[in-house]
Amino acid sequence: MTRENELQAAITCKCLECSCGMRGEVRDCKLKSCALWPYRPYQRAKVVSAARETPRGRQMDVFEVLEAIG
């Protein structure tokens, strides 16, 4: 398993914990102030790409998000 896969698995676990294990709640999460919101699992691809945009228009990667919250 690559480091990026491990990080995505950790994000998935945290999101499921926050939503009491309900995948639909993770997908429909409204908590946009959460640093993990753009990276949450079970969402449509177009939402992911739009949400990951930085103010300068550059897309953040998982490592940058984890560094920002960590």
Protein backbone atom coordinates (compact mmCIF):
# COMPACT_ATOMS: atom_id res chain seq x y z
CA MET A 1 0.00 0.00 0.00
CA THR A 2 1.42 3.38 -0.97
CA ARG A 3 1.63 6.32 1.41
CA GLU A 4 -1.14 8.14 -0.46
CA ASN A 5 -3.39 5.08 -0.17
CA GLU A 6 -2.66 4.91 3.56
CA LEU A 7 -3.57 8.57 3.96
CA GLN A 8 -6.79 8.15 2.02
CA ALA A 9 -7.67 5.13 4.19
CA ALA A 10 -7.08 7.24 7.31
CA ILE A 11 -9.33 9.99 5.96
CA THR A 12 -12.02 7.42 5.17
CA CYS A 13 -11.84 6.05 8.72
CA LYS A 14 -12.06 9.53 10.25
CA CYS A 15 -15.03 10.49 8.08
CA LEU A 16 -16.86 7.27 8.92
CA GLU A 17 -16.15 7.81 12.61
CA CYS A 18 -17.54 11.34 12.43
CA SER A 19 -20.70 10.14 10.65
CA CYS A 20 -21.27 7.10 12.91
CA GLY A 21 -20.34 4.72 10.10
CA MET A 22 -22.96 5.96 7.64
CA ARG A 23 -21.47 6.25 4.14
CA GLY A 24 -24.37 8.37 2.89
CA GLU A 25 -23.75 10.90 5.65
CA VAL A 26 -20.10 11.14 4.60
CA ARG A 27 -21.08 11.69 0.96
CA ASP A 28 -23.68 14.33 1.88
CA CYS A 29 -21.57 16.02 4.58
CA LYS A 30 -22.25 19.75 4.88
CA LEU A 31 -19.33 20.54 7.21
CA LYS A 32 -17.27 22.44 4.64
CA SER A 33 -15.12 23.99 7.38
CA CYS A 34 -13.56 20.56 7.99
CA ALA A 35 -10.10 20.35 6.43
CA LEU A 36 -10.88 16.83 5.23
CA TRP A 37 -14.15 17.79 3.52
CA PRO A 38 -12.70 17.98 -0.02
CA TYR A 39 -11.07 14.56 0.44
CA ARG A 40 -13.98 12.67 1.99
CA PRO A 41 -14.83 9.37 0.35
CA TYR A 42 -18.05 8.32 -1.42
CA GLN A 43 -18.51 11.57 -3.36
CA ARG A 44 -18.82 12.35 -7.01
CA ALA A 45 -15.57 13.08 -8.87
CA LYS A 46 -16.66 16.54 -10.06
CA VAL A 47 -17.27 17.62 -6.46
CA VAL A 48 -13.78 16.48 -5.47
CA SER A 49 -12.00 18.43 -8.19
CA ALA A 50 -13.99 21.61 -7.52
CA ALA A 51 -13.54 21.42 -3.75
CA ARG A 52 -9.79 20.85 -3.87
CA GLU A 53 -9.08 24.10 -5.68
CA THR A 54 -6.96 26.56 -3.75
CA PRO A 55 -7.58 30.32 -3.95
CA ARG A 56 -4.87 30.51 -6.64
CA GLY A 57 -6.62 27.84 -8.70
CA ARG A 58 -4.07 25.11 -7.97
CA GLN A 59 -5.36 21.78 -6.73
CA MET A 60 -4.12 20.69 -3.27
CA ASP A 61 -2.98 17.13 -2.76
CA VAL A 62 -3.71 14.91 0.25
CA PHE A 63 -0.29 15.58 1.76
CA GLU A 64 -0.83 19.37 1.73
CA VAL A 65 -4.19 19.02 3.46
CA LEU A 66 -2.81 16.77 6.17
CA GLU A 67 0.09 19.16 6.71
CA ALA A 68 -2.32 22.09 7.02
CA ILE A 69 -4.45 20.37 9.66
CA GLY A 70 -1.64 18.67 11.46
